[in-house]
C-alpha cells in the first residue's frame, strides 16, 4: 500500500534543471493534488572545481578535504531538493524532499526507491531523449525498464497545443492484445479516472484482433514497414491527431534488455512522441 492512500503518490526526479522544472508543470496538470517525493541524487565529488580548490586550501590533509567535500555536497543536494519541494508546493502538490547519495546508476536507483516507497508512479524528465539524437541508456531509459511501477517520462520542451492537451486530453494506450497491453490499459484507467482512455492498435498484416477491448486501428508507416520504429511512429502520430494528453505503453519488464538496446516499440515511442509517455510494467501490482 502507498504511504498516503488518499492521494496519488509519485517519486519525482528533480535536479534543478529546466527539464526537471517542466516535469513539475506536466505532473501537476496530469495529477493535481498528488503527494510527491522530490528526489535528488548526488555523487561525490559534488563541488565545483573552484570550491574544491578553496576547500583544499583550508584543510590540513586529504581526510579533512574529503570530509569537507562530503559536507558541502550534502548541503547543496539538500538545497536543490528544497527548491524542488517549493516548486511542487506552488502547483498544489503535497511535497517532501528525498535526497540520495549515489556512485552512479541513477536509473537503477529510481527502481530501488520505487521498491522501497511503493509509489503509484515514478515521474522523470526526458533530458537526452527525443528524435534521432536520443541516447539509449539514459536515466529515463534505464528507469523505465527496471522500475516495478509505472514510469512517466515528460518531454521538454513541449509545444503549446501539447501542453494544453494535458488538462483534459484523452489517454492513448498502445494495444496488441498482450498481457503487457492489458496491464497498461488497466493502469491508465486507474490513474486517470474521468478521462477517455483509448486503445490504439497499429495495423500490421497477419495480426488478428485479440480481446474484447474497443480498439482504434491506425496504419503503420510504409517507410519503415512493420518494424518497431513504424509502430512507435504510428502511435505518436495517433496521439498528435487526437490531441492526447499522453501515451501509455506496456513494457515486458526486466528480461528485455536486449530489446531495449535494439529499439523496441516501448523505447521507440518514448523517443518519438513529443508528449508524456508512461511505461507500465507487465505485472504492476497495483493494477489488478
Protein backbone atom coordinates (compact mmCIF):
# COMPACT_ATOMS: atom_id res chain seq x y z
CA UNK A 1 0.00 0.00 0.00
CA UNK A 2 1.09 3.58 -0.60
CA UNK A 3 2.12 5.63 2.39
CA UNK A 4 -0.75 8.05 1.69
CA UNK A 5 -3.58 6.01 0.11
CA UNK A 6 -5.92 9.02 -0.08
CA UNK A 7 -3.78 10.72 -2.75
CA UNK A 8 -1.73 9.63 -5.71
CA UNK A 9 1.94 9.31 -4.70
CA UNK A 10 4.85 9.89 -7.04
CA UNK A 11 8.62 9.78 -6.87
CA UNK A 12 9.70 12.79 -8.94
CA UNK A 13 13.23 13.20 -10.23
CA UNK A 14 14.47 16.76 -9.70
CA UNK A 15 17.95 18.16 -10.34
CA UNK A 16 17.26 21.87 -10.68
CA UNK A 17 17.42 21.85 -14.50
CA UNK A 18 14.78 23.38 -16.82
CA UNK A 19 13.73 19.85 -17.78
CA UNK A 20 13.13 18.99 -14.14
CA UNK A 21 11.07 22.12 -13.58
CA UNK A 22 9.00 21.25 -16.65
CA UNK A 23 8.31 17.83 -15.13
CA UNK A 24 6.56 19.54 -12.21
CA UNK A 25 4.33 21.54 -14.55
CA UNK A 26 3.42 18.44 -16.55
CA UNK A 27 2.83 16.35 -13.45
CA UNK A 28 0.60 18.98 -11.85
CA UNK A 29 -1.66 19.03 -14.92
CA UNK A 30 -1.93 15.25 -15.05
CA UNK A 31 -2.05 14.57 -11.30
CA UNK A 32 -3.36 17.56 -9.33
CA UNK A 33 -3.09 17.42 -5.53
CA UNK A 34 -0.66 14.50 -5.60
CA UNK A 35 1.91 13.68 -2.94
CA UNK A 36 5.43 13.94 -4.36
CA UNK A 37 8.83 12.85 -3.11
CA UNK A 38 11.07 15.40 -4.82
CA UNK A 39 14.12 13.25 -5.40
CA UNK A 40 17.64 14.49 -5.96
CA UNK A 41 20.61 12.17 -6.38
CA UNK A 42 24.16 13.38 -5.97
CA UNK A 43 27.53 11.75 -6.48
CA UNK A 44 30.80 12.77 -4.78
CA UNK A 45 32.84 14.79 -5.53
CA UNK A 46 29.89 17.15 -5.83
CA UNK A 47 31.52 20.58 -5.52
CA UNK A 48 32.77 22.68 -8.42
CA UNK A 49 36.47 22.92 -9.21
CA UNK A 50 36.58 26.42 -7.69
CA UNK A 51 35.00 25.26 -4.46
CA UNK A 52 37.28 22.21 -4.28
CA UNK A 53 40.35 24.45 -4.53
CA UNK A 54 39.01 26.64 -1.70
CA UNK A 55 38.31 23.62 0.47
CA UNK A 56 41.73 22.13 -0.20
CA UNK A 57 43.42 25.38 0.80
CA UNK A 58 41.50 25.44 4.08
CA UNK A 59 42.08 21.86 5.21
CA UNK A 60 45.03 20.12 6.79
CA UNK A 61 45.09 16.91 4.77
CA UNK A 62 43.30 14.52 2.44
CA UNK A 63 40.93 13.14 5.09
CA UNK A 64 39.82 16.62 6.15
CA UNK A 65 39.40 17.58 2.48
CA UNK A 66 37.19 14.54 1.78
CA UNK A 67 35.06 15.29 4.84
CA UNK A 68 34.64 18.89 3.70
CA UNK A 69 33.61 17.81 0.21
CA UNK A 70 31.02 15.46 1.74
CA UNK A 71 29.57 18.22 3.91
CA UNK A 72 29.36 20.70 1.04
CA UNK A 73 27.83 18.10 -1.26
CA UNK A 74 25.16 17.13 1.24
CA UNK A 75 24.30 20.76 1.89
CA UNK A 76 23.97 21.64 -1.79
CA UNK A 77 21.99 18.47 -2.54
CA UNK A 78 19.55 19.30 0.25
CA UNK A 79 19.22 22.85 -1.11
CA UNK A 80 18.34 21.62 -4.60
CA UNK A 81 15.77 19.18 -3.22
CA UNK A 82 14.19 22.01 -1.20
CA UNK A 83 13.88 24.07 -4.38
CA UNK A 84 12.00 21.17 -5.93
CA UNK A 85 9.68 20.99 -2.93
CA UNK A 86 8.99 24.73 -3.15
CA UNK A 87 8.11 24.48 -6.85
CA UNK A 88 5.95 21.42 -6.24
CA UNK A 89 4.01 23.09 -3.45
CA UNK A 90 3.46 26.12 -5.67
CA UNK A 91 1.47 23.96 -8.12
CA UNK A 92 -0.62 22.38 -5.37
CA UNK A 93 1.29 19.23 -4.56
CA UNK A 94 1.97 17.92 -1.08
CA UNK A 95 5.73 17.52 -1.38
CA UNK A 96 8.73 16.47 0.67
CA UNK A 97 12.44 16.17 -0.19
CA UNK A 98 14.20 12.88 -0.83
CA UNK A 99 17.99 13.10 -1.18
CA UNK A 100 20.17 10.12 -2.09
CA UNK A 101 23.94 9.92 -2.35
CA UNK A 102 24.92 7.52 -5.10
CA UNK A 103 28.00 6.47 -7.05
CA UNK A 104 26.36 6.07 -10.47
CA UNK A 105 23.38 4.17 -11.80
CA UNK A 106 20.63 6.74 -11.25
CA UNK A 107 18.11 4.76 -13.29
CA UNK A 108 18.59 1.68 -11.14
CA UNK A 109 18.43 3.83 -8.01
CA UNK A 110 14.99 5.08 -9.04
CA UNK A 111 13.93 1.45 -9.44
CA UNK A 112 15.15 0.69 -5.91
CA UNK A 113 13.34 3.71 -4.49
CA UNK A 114 10.14 2.55 -6.17
CA UNK A 115 10.53 -0.80 -4.43
CA UNK A 116 11.07 0.91 -1.07
CA UNK A 117 8.48 3.70 -1.17
CA UNK A 118 5.81 1.91 -3.24
CA UNK A 119 4.57 4.98 -5.20
CA UNK A 120 1.84 4.95 -7.81
CA UNK A 121 4.40 6.01 -10.38
CA UNK A 122 7.84 7.49 -10.99
CA UNK A 123 7.93 10.81 -12.86
CA UNK A 124 11.08 11.81 -14.75
CA UNK A 125 12.24 14.32 -17.33
CA UNK A 126 13.49 13.35 -20.76
CA UNK A 127 16.82 15.11 -20.91
CA UNK A 128 18.83 13.44 -23.67
CA UNK A 129 15.74 11.95 -25.30
CA UNK A 130 13.94 12.93 -28.45
CA UNK A 131 14.42 12.33 -32.15
CA UNK A 132 17.37 10.62 -33.74
CA UNK A 133 19.85 12.16 -31.28
CA UNK A 134 18.36 10.25 -28.34
CA UNK A 135 20.89 8.27 -26.37
CA UNK A 136 19.73 4.88 -25.17
CA UNK A 137 20.90 4.06 -21.68
CA UNK A 138 19.82 7.38 -20.19
CA UNK A 139 18.35 7.61 -16.70
CA UNK A 140 14.83 7.61 -18.15
CA UNK A 141 15.53 4.57 -20.33
CA UNK A 142 17.02 2.50 -17.53
CA UNK A 143 14.37 3.51 -15.00
CA UNK A 144 11.60 2.64 -17.46
CA UNK A 145 12.94 -0.87 -17.93
CA UNK A 146 13.76 -1.76 -14.34
CA UNK A 147 11.24 0.08 -12.18
CA UNK A 148 8.40 -2.11 -10.81
CA UNK A 149 5.97 0.81 -11.00
CA UNK A 150 4.77 2.86 -13.97
CA UNK A 151 7.34 5.39 -15.15
CA UNK A 152 6.08 8.59 -16.76
CA UNK A 153 8.62 10.49 -18.84
CA UNK A 154 7.81 14.14 -19.53
CA UNK A 155 9.43 15.72 -22.61
CA UNK A 156 10.95 19.18 -22.77
CA UNK A 157 10.23 21.43 -24.49
CA UNK A 158 6.56 20.92 -25.36
CA UNK A 159 4.57 22.99 -27.84
CA UNK A 160 1.59 25.00 -26.63
CA UNK A 161 -1.03 22.59 -28.01
CA UNK A 162 0.80 19.63 -26.49
CA UNK A 163 0.85 21.34 -23.11
CA UNK A 164 -2.80 22.41 -23.32
CA UNK A 165 -3.81 18.79 -24.04
CA UNK A 166 -2.52 17.76 -20.60
CA UNK A 167 -5.52 19.21 -18.78
CA UNK A 168 -8.28 17.19 -20.44
CA UNK A 169 -6.92 15.32 -23.46
CA UNK A 170 -7.56 11.60 -23.90
CA UNK A 171 -5.11 8.92 -22.84
CA UNK A 172 -3.93 6.68 -25.68
CA UNK A 173 -2.76 3.14 -24.89
CA UNK A 174 -0.70 1.09 -27.32
CA UNK A 175 -2.63 -2.13 -27.86
CA UNK A 176 -1.63 -5.53 -29.25
CA UNK A 177 -3.81 -7.81 -27.14
CA UNK A 178 -0.90 -8.91 -24.95
CA UNK A 179 -0.65 -9.15 -21.19
CA UNK A 180 1.53 -6.05 -21.22
CA UNK A 181 -1.06 -4.06 -23.16
CA UNK A 182 -3.79 -5.18 -20.80
CA UNK A 183 -1.74 -4.04 -17.79
CA UNK A 184 -1.09 -0.71 -19.49
CA UNK A 185 -4.78 -0.16 -20.23
CA UNK A 186 -5.92 -1.13 -16.73
CA UNK A 187 -3.31 1.12 -15.14
CA UNK A 188 -4.29 4.06 -17.36
CA UNK A 189 -7.93 3.72 -16.34
CA UNK A 190 -6.94 3.60 -12.67
CA UNK A 191 -4.55 6.57 -12.74
CA UNK A 192 -6.72 8.79 -14.95
CA UNK A 193 -10.29 8.43 -13.72
CA UNK A 194 -12.77 10.51 -15.66
CA UNK A 195 -10.61 10.69 -18.78
CA UNK A 196 -11.23 8.96 -22.09
CA UNK A 197 -8.81 6.04 -22.34
CA UNK A 198 -8.46 4.76 -25.89
CA UNK A 199 -6.70 1.58 -27.02
CA UNK A 200 -4.81 2.03 -30.29
CA UNK A 201 -3.51 -0.86 -32.37
CA UNK A 202 -1.10 -0.31 -35.25
CA UNK A 203 -2.27 -2.19 -38.32
CA UNK A 204 0.09 -4.99 -39.29
CA UNK A 205 -0.58 -7.71 -41.83
CA UNK A 206 -1.34 -11.07 -40.30
CA UNK A 207 -2.15 -9.75 -36.81
CA UNK A 208 -5.61 -10.72 -35.59
CA UNK A 209 -7.53 -8.62 -33.05
CA UNK A 210 -7.46 -10.07 -29.56
CA UNK A 211 -9.63 -9.47 -26.51
CA UNK A 212 -12.84 -7.56 -26.03
CA UNK A 213 -11.44 -4.03 -25.95
CA UNK A 214 -12.81 -1.41 -28.29
CA UNK A 215 -9.69 -0.69 -30.31
CA UNK A 216 -8.92 2.03 -32.83
CA UNK A 217 -6.64 0.80 -35.62
CA UNK A 218 -4.09 3.09 -37.29
CA UNK A 219 -1.86 2.19 -40.26
CA UNK A 220 1.86 1.68 -39.91
CA UNK A 221 4.24 3.80 -41.94
CA UNK A 222 5.21 2.26 -45.30
CA UNK A 223 8.61 3.88 -44.95
CA UNK A 224 9.58 1.62 -42.05
CA UNK A 225 7.45 -1.39 -42.88
CA UNK A 226 6.37 -3.40 -39.85
CA UNK A 227 9.34 -2.54 -37.67
CA UNK A 228 9.16 -1.42 -34.06
CA UNK A 229 10.00 2.07 -35.30
CA UNK A 230 6.94 2.04 -37.58
CA UNK A 231 4.67 1.02 -34.72
CA UNK A 232 6.10 3.70 -32.44
CA UNK A 233 5.83 6.31 -35.18
CA UNK A 234 2.17 5.40 -35.80
CA UNK A 235 1.33 5.62 -32.08
CA UNK A 236 2.99 9.04 -31.85
CA UNK A 237 1.03 10.17 -34.92
CA UNK A 238 -2.25 8.96 -33.42
CA UNK A 239 -1.50 10.91 -30.24
CA UNK A 240 -0.92 14.08 -32.26
CA UNK A 241 -4.05 13.60 -34.35
CA UNK A 242 -6.30 13.10 -31.32
CA UNK A 243 -4.75 15.74 -29.10
CA UNK A 244 -3.81 13.14 -26.49
CA UNK A 245 -2.58 14.16 -23.07
CA UNK A 246 -0.16 11.27 -23.05
CA UNK A 247 0.68 7.86 -24.47
CA UNK A 248 0.76 4.69 -22.36
CA UNK A 249 2.70 1.62 -23.45
CA UNK A 250 3.41 -1.70 -21.82
CA UNK A 251 6.86 -2.98 -21.01
CA UNK A 252 7.89 -6.61 -20.96
CA UNK A 253 9.98 -5.96 -17.87
CA UNK A 254 13.48 -6.78 -16.74
CA UNK A 255 14.19 -9.51 -19.28
CA UNK A 256 14.01 -7.10 -22.22
CA UNK A 257 17.47 -5.50 -22.02
CA UNK A 258 18.41 -6.80 -25.47
CA UNK A 259 15.18 -5.43 -26.95
CA UNK A 260 15.85 -2.08 -25.30
CA UNK A 261 19.28 -1.85 -26.92
CA UNK A 262 17.95 -2.85 -30.35
CA UNK A 263 15.00 -0.49 -30.22
CA UNK A 264 11.62 -1.78 -29.02
CA UNK A 265 8.17 -0.32 -29.56
CA UNK A 266 8.25 0.93 -25.98
CA UNK A 267 11.56 2.74 -26.35
CA UNK A 268 10.68 3.96 -29.84
CA UNK A 269 7.51 5.56 -28.54
CA UNK A 270 9.41 7.14 -25.69
CA UNK A 271 11.82 8.76 -28.13
CA UNK A 272 9.39 9.74 -30.90
CA UNK A 273 6.36 11.09 -29.04
CA UNK A 274 6.61 14.78 -28.21
CA UNK A 275 4.28 14.41 -25.26
CA UNK A 276 4.42 12.46 -21.98
CA UNK A 277 4.82 8.70 -22.27
CA UNK A 278 4.04 6.32 -19.42
CA UNK A 279 5.65 2.88 -19.43
CA UNK A 280 3.78 0.27 -17.42
CA UNK A 281 5.47 -2.96 -16.29
CA UNK A 282 3.69 -6.12 -17.34
CA UNK A 283 2.79 -7.03 -13.77
CA UNK A 284 2.20 -3.74 -11.99
CA UNK A 285 0.99 -4.96 -8.54
CA UNK A 286 -1.43 -2.05 -8.13
CA UNK A 287 -3.13 -2.51 -11.49
CA UNK A 288 -5.24 -5.50 -10.51
